[in-house]
């Protein structure tokens, strides 16, 4: 089905989570006590990366979400999106 093993990354999930917490936008979002909606290792655009998603209910049918992608080899933050 086209799936292949994921190998050769240097930043494990614990390191990726620490990198995420060190990101100012994510750190501020975490102060709202969100729950983790997803935590996965994926290949996108040829780059192996950790993808971490959080969410919380801000009330009045107003869910808030955050997403970060971190290069699993270099630790570079590739993408951050945080609902205000």
C-alpha atoms as a PDB file:
ATOM      1  CA  UNK A   1       0.000   0.000   0.000  1.00  0.00           C
ATOM      2  CA  UNK A   2       3.005   2.320  -0.304  1.00  0.00           C
ATOM      3  CA  UNK A   3       3.836   2.562   3.397  1.00  0.00           C
ATOM      4  CA  UNK A   4       7.490   2.318   4.312  1.00  0.00           C
ATOM      5  CA  UNK A   5       9.350   2.302   7.613  1.00  0.00           C
ATOM      6  CA  UNK A   6      10.382   5.609   9.150  1.00  0.00           C
ATOM      7  CA  UNK A   7      14.064   5.586  10.074  1.00  0.00           C
ATOM      8  CA  UNK A   8      16.990   7.890  10.780  1.00  0.00           C
ATOM      9  CA  UNK A   9      15.624  10.639  12.987  1.00  0.00           C
ATOM     10  CA  UNK A  10      17.633  12.125  15.841  1.00  0.00           C
ATOM     11  CA  UNK A  11      14.951  13.975  17.832  1.00  0.00           C
ATOM     12  CA  UNK A  12      12.640  11.604  19.679  1.00  0.00           C
ATOM     13  CA  UNK A  13       9.122  12.502  20.842  1.00  0.00           C
ATOM     14  CA  UNK A  14      10.326  13.819  24.225  1.00  0.00           C
ATOM     15  CA  UNK A  15      12.798  16.177  22.535  1.00  0.00           C
ATOM     16  CA  UNK A  16      10.147  17.309  20.026  1.00  0.00           C
ATOM     17  CA  UNK A  17       7.736  18.094  22.859  1.00  0.00           C
ATOM     18  CA  UNK A  18      10.402  20.162  24.644  1.00  0.00           C
ATOM     19  CA  UNK A  19      11.112  22.070  21.428  1.00  0.00           C
ATOM     20  CA  UNK A  20       7.375  22.744  21.104  1.00  0.00           C
ATOM     21  CA  UNK A  21       7.145  24.037  24.680  1.00  0.00           C
ATOM     22  CA  UNK A  22      10.080  26.358  24.036  1.00  0.00           C
ATOM     23  CA  UNK A  23       8.163  27.985  21.173  1.00  0.00           C
ATOM     24  CA  UNK A  24       6.672  31.243  22.479  1.00  0.00           C
ATOM     25  CA  UNK A  25       3.316  30.887  20.678  1.00  0.00           C
ATOM     26  CA  UNK A  26       2.839  27.280  21.779  1.00  0.00           C
ATOM     27  CA  UNK A  27       3.967  28.045  25.318  1.00  0.00           C
ATOM     28  CA  UNK A  28       1.341  30.777  25.598  1.00  0.00           C
ATOM     29  CA  UNK A  29      -1.337  28.431  24.196  1.00  0.00           C
ATOM     30  CA  UNK A  30      -0.366  25.724  26.721  1.00  0.00           C
ATOM     31  CA  UNK A  31      -1.283  28.109  29.560  1.00  0.00           C
ATOM     32  CA  UNK A  32      -4.955  27.372  28.705  1.00  0.00           C
ATOM     33  CA  UNK A  33      -4.469  23.693  29.667  1.00  0.00           C
ATOM     34  CA  UNK A  34      -5.327  22.216  26.268  1.00  0.00           C
ATOM     35  CA  UNK A  35      -5.436  18.507  25.586  1.00  0.00           C
ATOM     36  CA  UNK A  36      -3.193  16.868  23.020  1.00  0.00           C
ATOM     37  CA  UNK A  37      -5.259  15.909  19.992  1.00  0.00           C
ATOM     38  CA  UNK A  38      -2.468  14.326  18.005  1.00  0.00           C
ATOM     39  CA  UNK A  39       1.219  13.526  18.178  1.00  0.00           C
ATOM     40  CA  UNK A  40       2.734  11.800  15.174  1.00  0.00           C
ATOM     41  CA  UNK A  41       5.899  11.290  13.152  1.00  0.00           C
ATOM     42  CA  UNK A  42       5.278  11.890   9.458  1.00  0.00           C
ATOM     43  CA  UNK A  43       7.014  12.524   6.177  1.00  0.00           C
ATOM     44  CA  UNK A  44       5.744  15.618   4.398  1.00  0.00           C
ATOM     45  CA  UNK A  45       7.391  17.270   1.413  1.00  0.00           C
ATOM     46  CA  UNK A  46      10.276  14.820   1.863  1.00  0.00           C
ATOM     47  CA  UNK A  47      10.942  15.971   5.449  1.00  0.00           C
ATOM     48  CA  UNK A  48      10.479  13.681   8.423  1.00  0.00           C
ATOM     49  CA  UNK A  49       8.752  15.732  11.107  1.00  0.00           C
ATOM     50  CA  UNK A  50       6.889  15.562  14.383  1.00  0.00           C
ATOM     51  CA  UNK A  51       3.368  16.982  14.250  1.00  0.00           C
ATOM     52  CA  UNK A  52       1.774  17.958  17.559  1.00  0.00           C
ATOM     53  CA  UNK A  53      -1.771  19.309  17.906  1.00  0.00           C
ATOM     54  CA  UNK A  54      -3.577  20.691  20.967  1.00  0.00           C
ATOM     55  CA  UNK A  55      -7.090  22.013  21.542  1.00  0.00           C
ATOM     56  CA  UNK A  56      -9.298  23.451  24.244  1.00  0.00           C
ATOM     57  CA  UNK A  57     -12.851  24.758  24.439  1.00  0.00           C
ATOM     58  CA  UNK A  58     -12.877  28.526  24.925  1.00  0.00           C
ATOM     59  CA  UNK A  59     -16.651  28.420  25.543  1.00  0.00           C
ATOM     60  CA  UNK A  60     -19.629  29.477  23.471  1.00  0.00           C
ATOM     61  CA  UNK A  61     -18.831  26.903  20.742  1.00  0.00           C
ATOM     62  CA  UNK A  62     -15.412  28.488  20.292  1.00  0.00           C
ATOM     63  CA  UNK A  63     -12.781  25.726  20.112  1.00  0.00           C
ATOM     64  CA  UNK A  64      -9.141  26.825  19.974  1.00  0.00           C
ATOM     65  CA  UNK A  65      -6.399  24.809  18.316  1.00  0.00           C
ATOM     66  CA  UNK A  66      -2.630  24.849  17.982  1.00  0.00           C
ATOM     67  CA  UNK A  67      -0.346  22.927  15.654  1.00  0.00           C
ATOM     68  CA  UNK A  68       3.419  22.700  15.389  1.00  0.00           C
ATOM     69  CA  UNK A  69       5.653  20.752  13.001  1.00  0.00           C
ATOM     70  CA  UNK A  70       9.245  20.051  14.020  1.00  0.00           C
ATOM     71  CA  UNK A  71      11.950  18.560  11.795  1.00  0.00           C
ATOM     72  CA  UNK A  72      12.728  15.173  13.364  1.00  0.00           C
ATOM     73  CA  UNK A  73      16.363  15.347  12.284  1.00  0.00           C
ATOM     74  CA  UNK A  74      17.394  18.970  12.888  1.00  0.00           C
ATOM     75  CA  UNK A  75      14.862  20.042  15.534  1.00  0.00           C
ATOM     76  CA  UNK A  76      13.946  23.095  13.450  1.00  0.00           C
ATOM     77  CA  UNK A  77      10.398  24.402  13.914  1.00  0.00           C
ATOM     78  CA  UNK A  78       8.883  24.131  10.438  1.00  0.00           C
ATOM     79  CA  UNK A  79       5.365  25.419  11.076  1.00  0.00           C
ATOM     80  CA  UNK A  80       3.312  26.905  13.900  1.00  0.00           C
ATOM     81  CA  UNK A  81      -0.369  27.826  13.855  1.00  0.00           C
ATOM     82  CA  UNK A  82      -2.157  28.992  16.996  1.00  0.00           C
ATOM     83  CA  UNK A  83      -5.764  30.207  17.222  1.00  0.00           C
ATOM     84  CA  UNK A  84      -6.013  33.516  19.013  1.00  0.00           C
END
